[in-house]
Amino acid sequence: MGPQHAYGLAARLEQVAEHPLMLNQGTLYPALVRLEQNGWIKGSWQKTENNRDAKYYAITRAGTRALEKQTDRWHRLAGLVNKLLVDEQ
């Protein structure tokens, strides 16, 4: 997935979510600001397909590394939770 504007990101998240996902501007925009401040995404102003100005966000190398690290942490956590649940049965 290439650079996306906030509305496009929200639409894509809703599309791939297995359960209804309600994202509002009060949730998404502050998250994008934090990600950009951390250097994990980079925003640039571009024209949309409707010729409107929108800030498009793309993941940076640092963002890719952070994503890989967090994904690994989630997999380990899920494995631990799975062990706990299996051991209790």
C-alpha atoms as a PDB file:
ATOM      1  CA  MET A   1       0.000   0.000   0.000  1.00  0.00           C
ATOM      2  CA  GLY A   2       1.476   3.319  -0.990  1.00  0.00           C
ATOM      3  CA  PRO A   3       0.982   6.734   0.581  1.00  0.00           C
ATOM      4  CA  GLN A   4      -2.580   7.381   1.728  1.00  0.00           C
ATOM      5  CA  HIS A   5      -4.523  10.321   3.084  1.00  0.00           C
ATOM      6  CA  ALA A   6      -6.342   9.973   6.416  1.00  0.00           C
ATOM      7  CA  TYR A   7      -9.726   9.212   4.848  1.00  0.00           C
ATOM      8  CA  GLY A   8      -8.140   6.556   2.620  1.00  0.00           C
ATOM      9  CA  LEU A   9      -6.411   4.999   5.629  1.00  0.00           C
ATOM     10  CA  ALA A  10      -9.668   4.898   7.586  1.00  0.00           C
ATOM     11  CA  ALA A  11     -11.514   3.344   4.639  1.00  0.00           C
ATOM     12  CA  ARG A  12      -8.803   0.707   4.189  1.00  0.00           C
ATOM     13  CA  LEU A  13      -8.796  -0.157   7.900  1.00  0.00           C
ATOM     14  CA  GLU A  14     -12.563  -0.619   7.840  1.00  0.00           C
ATOM     15  CA  GLN A  15     -12.241  -2.752   4.703  1.00  0.00           C
ATOM     16  CA  VAL A  16      -9.716  -5.189   6.209  1.00  0.00           C
ATOM     17  CA  ALA A  17     -11.138  -5.279   9.757  1.00  0.00           C
ATOM     18  CA  GLU A  18     -12.917  -8.515  10.629  1.00  0.00           C
ATOM     19  CA  HIS A  19     -15.205  -6.660  13.030  1.00  0.00           C
ATOM     20  CA  PRO A  20     -16.784  -3.229  12.622  1.00  0.00           C
ATOM     21  CA  LEU A  21     -14.156  -0.610  13.327  1.00  0.00           C
ATOM     22  CA  MET A  22     -15.295   2.876  14.198  1.00  0.00           C
ATOM     23  CA  LEU A  23     -12.541   5.416  13.647  1.00  0.00           C
ATOM     24  CA  ASN A  24     -13.286   9.065  14.110  1.00  0.00           C
ATOM     25  CA  GLN A  25     -11.146  12.119  13.509  1.00  0.00           C
ATOM     26  CA  GLY A  26     -10.492  12.419  17.240  1.00  0.00           C
ATOM     27  CA  THR A  27      -8.793   9.025  17.144  1.00  0.00           C
ATOM     28  CA  LEU A  28      -7.093   8.891  13.762  1.00  0.00           C
ATOM     29  CA  TYR A  29      -5.592  12.359  13.394  1.00  0.00           C
ATOM     30  CA  PRO A  30      -3.843  12.442  16.802  1.00  0.00           C
ATOM     31  CA  ALA A  31      -2.413   8.987  16.046  1.00  0.00           C
ATOM     32  CA  LEU A  32      -1.083  10.214  12.698  1.00  0.00           C
ATOM     33  CA  VAL A  33       0.476  13.252  14.393  1.00  0.00           C
ATOM     34  CA  ARG A  34       2.214  11.013  16.964  1.00  0.00           C
ATOM     35  CA  LEU A  35       3.466   8.631  14.278  1.00  0.00           C
ATOM     36  CA  GLU A  36       4.823  11.558  12.274  1.00  0.00           C
ATOM     37  CA  GLN A  37       6.455  13.125  15.363  1.00  0.00           C
ATOM     38  CA  ASN A  38       8.167   9.790  16.072  1.00  0.00           C
ATOM     39  CA  GLY A  39       9.486   9.720  12.505  1.00  0.00           C
ATOM     40  CA  TRP A  40       7.572   6.548  11.684  1.00  0.00           C
ATOM     41  CA  ILE A  41       5.525   8.153   8.912  1.00  0.00           C
ATOM     42  CA  LYS A  42       6.125  11.188   6.708  1.00  0.00           C
ATOM     43  CA  GLY A  43       3.343  13.414   5.473  1.00  0.00           C
ATOM     44  CA  SER A  44       3.268  15.476   2.298  1.00  0.00           C
ATOM     45  CA  TRP A  45       0.528  17.586   0.767  1.00  0.00           C
ATOM     46  CA  GLN A  46      -0.822  16.305  -2.548  1.00  0.00           C
ATOM     47  CA  LYS A  47      -3.926  16.561  -4.680  1.00  0.00           C
ATOM     48  CA  THR A  48      -6.549  13.844  -4.271  1.00  0.00           C
ATOM     49  CA  GLU A  49      -8.333  12.151  -7.146  1.00  0.00           C
ATOM     50  CA  ASN A  50     -11.011  14.863  -6.627  1.00  0.00           C
ATOM     51  CA  ASN A  51      -8.384  17.621  -6.997  1.00  0.00           C
ATOM     52  CA  ARG A  52      -8.539  18.524  -3.292  1.00  0.00           C
ATOM     53  CA  ASP A  53      -5.483  19.118  -1.121  1.00  0.00           C
ATOM     54  CA  ALA A  54      -4.865  16.349   1.403  1.00  0.00           C
ATOM     55  CA  LYS A  55      -1.933  15.251   3.475  1.00  0.00           C
ATOM     56  CA  TYR A  56      -0.700  11.862   2.316  1.00  0.00           C
ATOM     57  CA  TYR A  57       1.224   9.675   4.736  1.00  0.00           C
ATOM     58  CA  ALA A  58       3.894   7.098   3.916  1.00  0.00           C
ATOM     59  CA  ILE A  59       5.795   4.806   6.256  1.00  0.00           C
ATOM     60  CA  THR A  60       9.491   5.580   6.750  1.00  0.00           C
ATOM     61  CA  ARG A  61      12.369   3.138   7.228  1.00  0.00           C
ATOM     62  CA  ALA A  62      12.242   3.854  10.957  1.00  0.00           C
ATOM     63  CA  GLY A  63       8.497   3.200  10.820  1.00  0.00           C
ATOM     64  CA  THR A  64       9.041  -0.128   9.089  1.00  0.00           C
ATOM     65  CA  ARG A  65      11.560  -1.143  11.764  1.00  0.00           C
ATOM     66  CA  ALA A  66       9.184  -0.057  14.540  1.00  0.00           C
ATOM     67  CA  LEU A  67       6.337  -1.964  12.888  1.00  0.00           C
ATOM     68  CA  GLU A  68       8.437  -5.120  12.643  1.00  0.00           C
ATOM     69  CA  LYS A  69       9.451  -4.788  16.295  1.00  0.00           C
ATOM     70  CA  GLN A  70       5.878  -4.236  17.486  1.00  0.00           C
ATOM     71  CA  THR A  71       4.576  -7.072  15.312  1.00  0.00           C
ATOM     72  CA  ASP A  72       7.136  -9.397  16.891  1.00  0.00           C
ATOM     73  CA  ARG A  73       6.074  -8.246  20.367  1.00  0.00           C
ATOM     74  CA  TRP A  74       2.408  -8.897  19.557  1.00  0.00           C
ATOM     75  CA  HIS A  75       3.196 -12.382  18.240  1.00  0.00           C
ATOM     76  CA  ARG A  76       5.128 -13.214  21.414  1.00  0.00           C
ATOM     77  CA  LEU A  77       2.325 -11.846  23.595  1.00  0.00           C
ATOM     78  CA  ALA A  78      -0.293 -13.805  21.644  1.00  0.00           C
ATOM     79  CA  GLY A  79       1.820 -16.945  22.057  1.00  0.00           C
ATOM     80  CA  LEU A  80       2.054 -16.417  25.813  1.00  0.00           C
ATOM     81  CA  VAL A  81      -1.680 -15.819  26.133  1.00  0.00           C
ATOM     82  CA  ASN A  82      -2.320 -18.935  24.049  1.00  0.00           C
ATOM     83  CA  LYS A  83      -0.064 -20.978  26.351  1.00  0.00           C
ATOM     84  CA  LEU A  84      -1.912 -19.682  29.389  1.00  0.00           C
ATOM     85  CA  LEU A  85      -5.273 -20.585  27.898  1.00  0.00           C
ATOM     86  CA  VAL A  86      -4.154 -24.032  26.718  1.00  0.00           C
ATOM     87  CA  ASP A  87      -2.523 -24.839  30.062  1.00  0.00           C
ATOM     88  CA  GLU A  88      -5.763 -24.009  31.892  1.00  0.00           C
ATOM     89  CA  GLN A  89      -7.832 -26.490  29.880  1.00  0.00           C
END
